[in-house]
Amino acid sequence: MSKPPREQISPETRRDIRRAFLTLLAVGLVIGALTAAGLVTLMNHFNLFGVPEQRQ
């Protein structure tokens, strides 16, 4: 069984796909960074870093 011939993707379509991929990657990184910064801020606000105090 032979493989069917691959269709050639035009340079314009390839450029558009690459641009969309990089845009989604950048947006994801920005959202992730903002989420991480917000989480760290909340954890600092509620004093959730470090070793918990020992109760006796």
PDB file of N, CA and C in Angstrom:
ATOM      1  N   MET A   1       0.846  -1.188   0.000  1.00  0.00           N
ATOM      2  CA  MET A   1       0.000   0.000   0.000  1.00  0.00           C
ATOM      3  C   MET A   1       0.883   1.241   0.000  1.00  0.00           C
ATOM      4  N   SER A   2       0.645   2.091  -0.934  1.00  0.00           N
ATOM      5  CA  SER A   2       1.422   3.322  -0.993  1.00  0.00           C
ATOM      6  C   SER A   2       0.636   4.454  -0.348  1.00  0.00           C
ATOM      7  N   LYS A   3       1.379   5.380   0.166  1.00  0.00           N
ATOM      8  CA  LYS A   3       0.757   6.544   0.800  1.00  0.00           C
ATOM      9  C   LYS A   3       0.218   7.482  -0.268  1.00  0.00           C
ATOM     10  N   PRO A   4      -0.908   8.145   0.021  1.00  0.00           N
ATOM     11  CA  PRO A   4      -1.398   9.133  -0.943  1.00  0.00           C
ATOM     12  C   PRO A   4      -0.450  10.335  -0.961  1.00  0.00           C
ATOM     13  N   PRO A   5      -0.324  10.995  -2.085  1.00  0.00           N
ATOM     14  CA  PRO A   5       0.581  12.152  -2.148  1.00  0.00           C
ATOM     15  C   PRO A   5       0.105  13.272  -1.223  1.00  0.00           C
ATOM     16  N   ARG A   6       1.072  13.874  -0.536  1.00  0.00           N
ATOM     17  CA  ARG A   6       0.737  14.986   0.355  1.00  0.00           C
ATOM     18  C   ARG A   6       0.480  16.239  -0.466  1.00  0.00           C
ATOM     19  N   GLU A   7      -0.546  16.945  -0.057  1.00  0.00           N
ATOM     20  CA  GLU A   7      -0.825  18.204  -0.731  1.00  0.00           C
ATOM     21  C   GLU A   7       0.158  19.248  -0.228  1.00  0.00           C
ATOM     22  N   GLN A   8       0.589  20.078  -1.116  1.00  0.00           N
ATOM     23  CA  GLN A   8       1.503  21.145  -0.732  1.00  0.00           C
ATOM     24  C   GLN A   8       0.710  22.287  -0.110  1.00  0.00           C
ATOM     25  N   ILE A   9       1.187  22.754   1.015  1.00  0.00           N
ATOM     26  CA  ILE A   9       0.552  23.899   1.682  1.00  0.00           C
ATOM     27  C   ILE A   9       1.171  25.162   1.108  1.00  0.00           C
ATOM     28  N   SER A  10       0.321  26.092   0.738  1.00  0.00           N
ATOM     29  CA  SER A  10       0.840  27.328   0.157  1.00  0.00           C
ATOM     30  C   SER A  10       1.603  28.122   1.217  1.00  0.00           C
ATOM     31  N   PRO A  11       2.577  28.919   0.795  1.00  0.00           N
ATOM     32  CA  PRO A  11       3.353  29.713   1.754  1.00  0.00           C
ATOM     33  C   PRO A  11       2.483  30.665   2.578  1.00  0.00           C
ATOM     34  N   GLU A  12       1.424  31.190   1.971  1.00  0.00           N
ATOM     35  CA  GLU A  12       0.545  32.100   2.709  1.00  0.00           C
ATOM     36  C   GLU A  12      -0.177  31.363   3.838  1.00  0.00           C
ATOM     37  N   THR A  13      -0.674  30.160   3.526  1.00  0.00           N
ATOM     38  CA  THR A  13      -1.375  29.371   4.536  1.00  0.00           C
ATOM     39  C   THR A  13      -0.415  28.945   5.632  1.00  0.00           C
ATOM     40  N   ARG A  14       0.791  28.540   5.245  1.00  0.00           N
ATOM     41  CA  ARG A  14       1.803  28.144   6.229  1.00  0.00           C
ATOM     42  C   ARG A  14       2.126  29.320   7.158  1.00  0.00           C
ATOM     43  N   ARG A  15       2.251  30.521   6.583  1.00  0.00           N
ATOM     44  CA  ARG A  15       2.528  31.716   7.383  1.00  0.00           C
ATOM     45  C   ARG A  15       1.378  32.004   8.345  1.00  0.00           C
ATOM     46  N   ASP A  16       0.144  31.866   7.860  1.00  0.00           N
ATOM     47  CA  ASP A  16      -1.021  32.114   8.712  1.00  0.00           C
ATOM     48  C   ASP A  16      -1.107  31.108   9.858  1.00  0.00           C
ATOM     49  N   ILE A  17      -0.827  29.844   9.563  1.00  0.00           N
ATOM     50  CA  ILE A  17      -0.851  28.823  10.616  1.00  0.00           C
ATOM     51  C   ILE A  17       0.234  29.101  11.642  1.00  0.00           C
ATOM     52  N   ARG A  18       1.420  29.444  11.173  1.00  0.00           N
ATOM     53  CA  ARG A  18       2.523  29.751  12.095  1.00  0.00           C
ATOM     54  C   ARG A  18       2.186  30.959  12.957  1.00  0.00           C
ATOM     55  N   ARG A  19       1.614  31.999  12.357  1.00  0.00           N
ATOM     56  CA  ARG A  19       1.245  33.201  13.104  1.00  0.00           C
ATOM     57  C   ARG A  19       0.180  32.879  14.153  1.00  0.00           C
ATOM     58  N   ALA A  20      -0.811  32.073  13.785  1.00  0.00           N
ATOM     59  CA  ALA A  20      -1.856  31.698  14.737  1.00  0.00           C
ATOM     60  C   ALA A  20      -1.270  30.892  15.887  1.00  0.00           C
ATOM     61  N   PHE A  21      -0.371  29.955  15.589  1.00  0.00           N
ATOM     62  CA  PHE A  21       0.253  29.146  16.620  1.00  0.00           C
ATOM     63  C   PHE A  21       1.053  30.016  17.581  1.00  0.00           C
ATOM     64  N   LEU A  22       1.868  30.917  17.045  1.00  0.00           N
ATOM     65  CA  LEU A  22       2.686  31.777  17.908  1.00  0.00           C
ATOM     66  C   LEU A  22       1.830  32.729  18.726  1.00  0.00           C
ATOM     67  N   THR A  23       0.731  33.212  18.140  1.00  0.00           N
ATOM     68  CA  THR A  23      -0.179  34.082  18.880  1.00  0.00           C
ATOM     69  C   THR A  23      -0.821  33.332  20.037  1.00  0.00           C
ATOM     70  N   LEU A  24      -1.301  32.115  19.784  1.00  0.00           N
ATOM     71  CA  LEU A  24      -1.895  31.313  20.854  1.00  0.00           C
ATOM     72  C   LEU A  24      -0.872  30.972  21.923  1.00  0.00           C
ATOM     73  N   LEU A  25       0.347  30.688  21.518  1.00  0.00           N
ATOM     74  CA  LEU A  25       1.405  30.400  22.477  1.00  0.00           C
ATOM     75  C   LEU A  25       1.688  31.614  23.355  1.00  0.00           C
ATOM     76  N   ALA A  26       1.790  32.790  22.749  1.00  0.00           N
ATOM     77  CA  ALA A  26       2.056  34.011  23.509  1.00  0.00           C
ATOM     78  C   ALA A  26       0.908  34.331  24.461  1.00  0.00           C
ATOM     79  N   VAL A  27      -0.326  34.195  23.991  1.00  0.00           N
ATOM     80  CA  VAL A  27      -1.486  34.468  24.843  1.00  0.00           C
ATOM     81  C   VAL A  27      -1.514  33.488  26.021  1.00  0.00           C
ATOM     82  N   GLY A  28      -1.220  32.234  25.764  1.00  0.00           N
ATOM     83  CA  GLY A  28      -1.184  31.246  26.838  1.00  0.00           C
ATOM     84  C   GLY A  28      -0.110  31.552  27.870  1.00  0.00           C
ATOM     85  N   LEU A  29       1.055  31.980  27.405  1.00  0.00           N
ATOM     86  CA  LEU A  29       2.128  32.329  28.332  1.00  0.00           C
ATOM     87  C   LEU A  29       1.756  33.541  29.180  1.00  0.00           C
ATOM     88  N   VAL A  30       1.127  34.529  28.579  1.00  0.00           N
ATOM     89  CA  VAL A  30       0.711  35.718  29.326  1.00  0.00           C
ATOM     90  C   VAL A  30      -0.347  35.350  30.366  1.00  0.00           C
ATOM     91  N   ILE A  31      -1.337  34.562  29.972  1.00  0.00           N
ATOM     92  CA  ILE A  31      -2.378  34.153  30.919  1.00  0.00           C
ATOM     93  C   ILE A  31      -1.766  33.337  32.056  1.00  0.00           C
ATOM     94  N   GLY A  32      -0.852  32.440  31.731  1.00  0.00           N
ATOM     95  CA  GLY A  32      -0.186  31.645  32.757  1.00  0.00           C
ATOM     96  C   GLY A  32       0.627  32.497  33.718  1.00  0.00           C
ATOM     97  N   ALA A  33       1.343  33.480  33.187  1.00  0.00           N
ATOM     98  CA  ALA A  33       2.146  34.358  34.042  1.00  0.00           C
ATOM     99  C   ALA A  33       1.253  35.190  34.957  1.00  0.00           C
ATOM    100  N   LEU A  34       0.152  35.720  34.425  1.00  0.00           N
ATOM    101  CA  LEU A  34      -0.758  36.509  35.257  1.00  0.00           C
ATOM    102  C   LEU A  34      -1.418  35.649  36.330  1.00  0.00           C
ATOM    103  N   THR A  35      -1.787  34.424  35.983  1.00  0.00           N
ATOM    104  CA  THR A  35      -2.386  33.515  36.955  1.00  0.00           C
ATOM    105  C   THR A  35      -1.390  33.179  38.058  1.00  0.00           C
ATOM    106  N   ALA A  36      -0.154  32.893  37.684  1.00  0.00           N
ATOM    107  CA  ALA A  36       0.878  32.571  38.671  1.00  0.00           C
ATOM    108  C   ALA A  36       1.147  33.769  39.594  1.00  0.00           C
ATOM    109  N   ALA A  37       1.223  34.963  39.023  1.00  0.00           N
ATOM    110  CA  ALA A  37       1.467  36.152  39.842  1.00  0.00           C
ATOM    111  C   ALA A  37       0.300  36.392  40.803  1.00  0.00           C
ATOM    112  N   GLY A  38      -0.922  36.208  40.319  1.00  0.00           N
ATOM    113  CA  GLY A  38      -2.085  36.370  41.192  1.00  0.00           C
ATOM    114  C   GLY A  38      -2.113  35.342  42.300  1.00  0.00           C
ATOM    115  N   LEU A  39      -1.746  34.116  41.988  1.00  0.00           N
ATOM    116  CA  LEU A  39      -1.724  33.065  42.995  1.00  0.00           C
ATOM    117  C   LEU A  39      -0.672  33.345  44.054  1.00  0.00           C
ATOM    118  N   VAL A  40       0.502  33.779  43.654  1.00  0.00           N
ATOM    119  CA  VAL A  40       1.550  34.124  44.620  1.00  0.00           C
ATOM    120  C   VAL A  40       1.105  35.284  45.494  1.00  0.00           C
ATOM    121  N   THR A  41       0.463  36.284  44.898  1.00  0.00           N
ATOM    122  CA  THR A  41      -0.034  37.426  45.669  1.00  0.00           C
ATOM    123  C   THR A  41      -1.064  36.976  46.703  1.00  0.00           C
ATOM    124  N   LEU A  42      -1.997  36.126  46.299  1.00  0.00           N
ATOM    125  CA  LEU A  42      -3.003  35.616  47.242  1.00  0.00           C
ATOM    126  C   LEU A  42      -2.369  34.778  48.350  1.00  0.00           C
ATOM    127  N   MET A  43      -1.401  33.950  47.979  1.00  0.00           N
ATOM    128  CA  MET A  43      -0.745  33.121  48.995  1.00  0.00           C
ATOM    129  C   MET A  43       0.022  33.990  49.991  1.00  0.00           C
ATOM    130  N   ASN A  44       0.635  35.066  49.517  1.00  0.00           N
ATOM    131  CA  ASN A  44       1.313  35.988  50.436  1.00  0.00           C
ATOM    132  C   ASN A  44       0.299  36.694  51.329  1.00  0.00           C
ATOM    133  N   HIS A  45      -0.823  37.093  50.752  1.00  0.00           N
ATOM    134  CA  HIS A  45      -1.845  37.818  51.510  1.00  0.00           C
ATOM    135  C   HIS A  45      -2.393  36.971  52.652  1.00  0.00           C
ATOM    136  N   PHE A  46      -2.620  35.689  52.402  1.00  0.00           N
ATOM    137  CA  PHE A  46      -3.177  34.805  53.416  1.00  0.00           C
ATOM    138  C   PHE A  46      -2.091  34.047  54.181  1.00  0.00           C
ATOM    139  N   ASN A  47      -0.838  34.453  54.001  1.00  0.00           N
ATOM    140  CA  ASN A  47       0.301  33.891  54.725  1.00  0.00           C
ATOM    141  C   ASN A  47       0.358  32.364  54.563  1.00  0.00           C
ATOM    142  N   LEU A  48       0.303  31.904  53.345  1.00  0.00           N
ATOM    143  CA  LEU A  48       0.304  30.468  53.070  1.00  0.00           C
ATOM    144  C   LEU A  48       1.676  29.935  52.663  1.00  0.00           C
ATOM    145  N   PHE A  49       2.707  30.774  52.710  1.00  0.00           N
ATOM    146  CA  PHE A  49       4.062  30.308  52.409  1.00  0.00           C
ATOM    147  C   PHE A  49       4.745  29.912  53.701  1.00  0.00           C
ATOM    148  N   GLY A  50       5.698  29.032  53.601  1.00  0.00           N
ATOM    149  CA  GLY A  50       6.501  28.666  54.755  1.00  0.00           C
ATOM    150  C   GLY A  50       5.903  27.521  55.551  1.00  0.00           C
ATOM    151  N   VAL A  51       6.541  27.241  56.678  1.00  0.00           N
ATOM    152  CA  VAL A  51       6.142  26.139  57.548  1.00  0.00           C
ATOM    153  C   VAL A  51       4.982  26.613  58.440  1.00  0.00           C
ATOM    154  N   PRO A  52       3.932  25.814  58.564  1.00  0.00           N
ATOM    155  CA  PRO A  52       2.822  26.230  59.434  1.00  0.00           C
ATOM    156  C   PRO A  52       3.246  26.281  60.901  1.00  0.00           C
ATOM    157  N   GLU A  53       2.586  27.152  61.643  1.00  0.00           N
ATOM    158  CA  GLU A  53       2.901  27.275  63.069  1.00  0.00           C
ATOM    159  C   GLU A  53       2.454  26.012  63.803  1.00  0.00           C
ATOM    160  N   GLN A  54       3.237  25.613  64.799  1.00  0.00           N
ATOM    161  CA  GLN A  54       2.908  24.435  65.594  1.00  0.00           C
ATOM    162  C   GLN A  54       1.977  24.846  66.739  1.00  0.00           C
ATOM    163  N   ARG A  55       0.851  24.169  66.865  1.00  0.00           N
ATOM    164  CA  ARG A  55      -0.084  24.441  67.967  1.00  0.00           C
ATOM    165  C   ARG A  55       0.118  23.409  69.056  1.00  0.00           C
ATOM    166  N   GLN A  56       0.024  23.847  70.310  1.00  0.00           N
ATOM    167  CA  GLN A  56       0.201  22.921  71.431  1.00  0.00           C
ATOM    168  C   GLN A  56      -1.018  22.849  72.282  1.00  0.00           C
TER     169      GLN A  56
END
